[in-house]
Amino acid sequence: MEKKSGKLEAAARERVDAESAEYDRRVDALKRAVEDLRDPGLGVRLTGRVGELVLHEHAVVSSDAGTIPLAGLQARFASAGRPIRST
């Protein structure tokens, strides 16, 4: 009976250890995801260089202005020759 009890306890401890490791792995992955949302970096380069500008997924990089994050910016489009009016 003691031998069987010891085996059951050992199996339970192994399962607890495995579940704990999986939990830690998931928490670490979520922490990385939150950090990526807070600081996404430049992201993937979307186009080639256009003059002094390079467009990335999350920012525009300019040799004059430095890195300009795109989060929170709004785009307005106008055809050539028509001025952009603020709304």
C-alpha atoms as a PDB file:
ATOM      1  CA  MET A   1       0.000   0.000   0.000  1.00  0.00           C
ATOM      2  CA  GLU A   2       2.834   2.415   0.848  1.00  0.00           C
ATOM      3  CA  LYS A   3       4.606   1.591  -2.402  1.00  0.00           C
ATOM      4  CA  LYS A   4       1.446   2.278  -4.418  1.00  0.00           C
ATOM      5  CA  SER A   5       0.845   5.465  -2.441  1.00  0.00           C
ATOM      6  CA  GLY A   6       4.411   6.624  -3.147  1.00  0.00           C
ATOM      7  CA  LYS A   7       3.991   5.982  -6.872  1.00  0.00           C
ATOM      8  CA  LEU A   8       0.713   7.920  -6.957  1.00  0.00           C
ATOM      9  CA  GLU A   9       2.288  10.810  -5.073  1.00  0.00           C
ATOM     10  CA  ALA A  10       5.298  10.871  -7.420  1.00  0.00           C
ATOM     11  CA  ALA A  11       2.996  10.841 -10.456  1.00  0.00           C
ATOM     12  CA  ALA A  12       0.947  13.687  -8.973  1.00  0.00           C
ATOM     13  CA  ARG A  13       4.109  15.734  -8.308  1.00  0.00           C
ATOM     14  CA  GLU A  14       5.276  15.164 -11.894  1.00  0.00           C
ATOM     15  CA  ARG A  15       1.941  16.363 -13.209  1.00  0.00           C
ATOM     16  CA  VAL A  16       2.012  19.434 -10.948  1.00  0.00           C
ATOM     17  CA  ASP A  17       5.538  20.232 -12.159  1.00  0.00           C
ATOM     18  CA  ALA A  18       4.512  19.819 -15.810  1.00  0.00           C
ATOM     19  CA  GLU A  19       1.393  21.991 -15.369  1.00  0.00           C
ATOM     20  CA  SER A  20       3.420  24.610 -13.506  1.00  0.00           C
ATOM     21  CA  ALA A  21       6.019  24.722 -16.294  1.00  0.00           C
ATOM     22  CA  GLU A  22       3.258  25.085 -18.925  1.00  0.00           C
ATOM     23  CA  TYR A  23       1.654  27.884 -16.886  1.00  0.00           C
ATOM     24  CA  ASP A  24       4.996  29.705 -16.617  1.00  0.00           C
ATOM     25  CA  ARG A  25       5.545  29.322 -20.377  1.00  0.00           C
ATOM     26  CA  ARG A  26       2.106  30.814 -21.128  1.00  0.00           C
ATOM     27  CA  VAL A  27       2.611  33.707 -18.706  1.00  0.00           C
ATOM     28  CA  ASP A  28       6.006  34.482 -20.280  1.00  0.00           C
ATOM     29  CA  ALA A  29       4.440  34.436 -23.762  1.00  0.00           C
ATOM     30  CA  LEU A  30       1.699  36.833 -22.637  1.00  0.00           C
ATOM     31  CA  LYS A  31       4.254  39.152 -21.026  1.00  0.00           C
ATOM     32  CA  ARG A  32       6.216  39.225 -24.303  1.00  0.00           C
ATOM     33  CA  ALA A  33       3.004  39.979 -26.226  1.00  0.00           C
ATOM     34  CA  VAL A  34       2.182  42.884 -23.905  1.00  0.00           C
ATOM     35  CA  GLU A  35       5.727  44.237 -24.247  1.00  0.00           C
ATOM     36  CA  ASP A  36       5.463  43.979 -28.057  1.00  0.00           C
ATOM     37  CA  LEU A  37       2.242  46.014 -27.905  1.00  0.00           C
ATOM     38  CA  ARG A  38       3.901  48.662 -25.747  1.00  0.00           C
ATOM     39  CA  ASP A  39       7.008  48.882 -27.936  1.00  0.00           C
ATOM     40  CA  PRO A  40       6.436  47.349 -31.363  1.00  0.00           C
ATOM     41  CA  GLY A  41       9.754  48.566 -32.766  1.00  0.00           C
ATOM     42  CA  LEU A  42       9.966  49.511 -36.416  1.00  0.00           C
ATOM     43  CA  GLY A  43       8.186  46.439 -37.723  1.00  0.00           C
ATOM     44  CA  VAL A  44       8.680  44.958 -41.158  1.00  0.00           C
ATOM     45  CA  ARG A  45      10.107  47.240 -43.856  1.00  0.00           C
ATOM     46  CA  LEU A  46       7.215  47.764 -46.272  1.00  0.00           C
ATOM     47  CA  THR A  47       8.814  49.610 -49.166  1.00  0.00           C
ATOM     48  CA  GLY A  48      12.147  50.620 -50.505  1.00  0.00           C
ATOM     49  CA  ARG A  49      13.687  53.962 -49.717  1.00  0.00           C
ATOM     50  CA  VAL A  50      11.724  56.969 -51.014  1.00  0.00           C
ATOM     51  CA  GLY A  51      14.201  59.796 -50.909  1.00  0.00           C
ATOM     52  CA  GLU A  52      15.071  60.254 -47.262  1.00  0.00           C
ATOM     53  CA  LEU A  53      12.105  58.184 -45.983  1.00  0.00           C
ATOM     54  CA  VAL A  54      11.816  54.473 -45.257  1.00  0.00           C
ATOM     55  CA  LEU A  55       8.348  53.131 -44.410  1.00  0.00           C
ATOM     56  CA  HIS A  56       8.141  50.336 -41.859  1.00  0.00           C
ATOM     57  CA  GLU A  57       5.092  48.609 -40.399  1.00  0.00           C
ATOM     58  CA  HIS A  58       5.080  50.760 -37.228  1.00  0.00           C
ATOM     59  CA  ALA A  59       7.220  53.796 -38.046  1.00  0.00           C
ATOM     60  CA  VAL A  60       8.677  56.027 -40.729  1.00  0.00           C
ATOM     61  CA  VAL A  61      12.436  56.517 -40.551  1.00  0.00           C
ATOM     62  CA  SER A  62      13.868  59.766 -41.892  1.00  0.00           C
ATOM     63  CA  SER A  63      17.479  60.846 -41.930  1.00  0.00           C
ATOM     64  CA  ASP A  64      16.288  64.377 -41.070  1.00  0.00           C
ATOM     65  CA  ALA A  65      13.461  63.758 -38.585  1.00  0.00           C
ATOM     66  CA  GLY A  66      14.621  60.435 -37.114  1.00  0.00           C
ATOM     67  CA  THR A  67      12.057  57.762 -36.279  1.00  0.00           C
ATOM     68  CA  ILE A  68       8.402  58.804 -36.393  1.00  0.00           C
ATOM     69  CA  PRO A  69       6.046  56.265 -34.740  1.00  0.00           C
ATOM     70  CA  LEU A  70       2.832  55.661 -36.697  1.00  0.00           C
ATOM     71  CA  ALA A  71       0.663  54.677 -33.708  1.00  0.00           C
ATOM     72  CA  GLY A  72      -2.139  57.172 -33.220  1.00  0.00           C
ATOM     73  CA  LEU A  73      -1.520  59.063 -36.469  1.00  0.00           C
ATOM     74  CA  GLN A  74      -4.291  59.594 -39.000  1.00  0.00           C
ATOM     75  CA  ALA A  75      -3.736  59.767 -42.744  1.00  0.00           C
ATOM     76  CA  ARG A  76      -5.467  62.141 -45.144  1.00  0.00           C
ATOM     77  CA  PHE A  77      -5.196  61.767 -48.882  1.00  0.00           C
ATOM     78  CA  ALA A  78      -5.542  64.398 -51.585  1.00  0.00           C
ATOM     79  CA  SER A  79      -4.943  64.293 -55.316  1.00  0.00           C
ATOM     80  CA  ALA A  80      -2.019  66.174 -56.779  1.00  0.00           C
ATOM     81  CA  GLY A  81      -2.665  69.880 -57.062  1.00  0.00           C
ATOM     82  CA  ARG A  82      -5.391  69.961 -54.426  1.00  0.00           C
ATOM     83  CA  PRO A  83      -4.365  71.375 -51.049  1.00  0.00           C
ATOM     84  CA  ILE A  84      -4.889  69.316 -47.900  1.00  0.00           C
ATOM     85  CA  ARG A  85      -7.362  71.045 -45.625  1.00  0.00           C
ATOM     86  CA  SER A  86      -7.529  70.414 -41.903  1.00  0.00           C
ATOM     87  CA  THR A  87     -10.885  69.217 -40.629  1.00  0.00           C
END
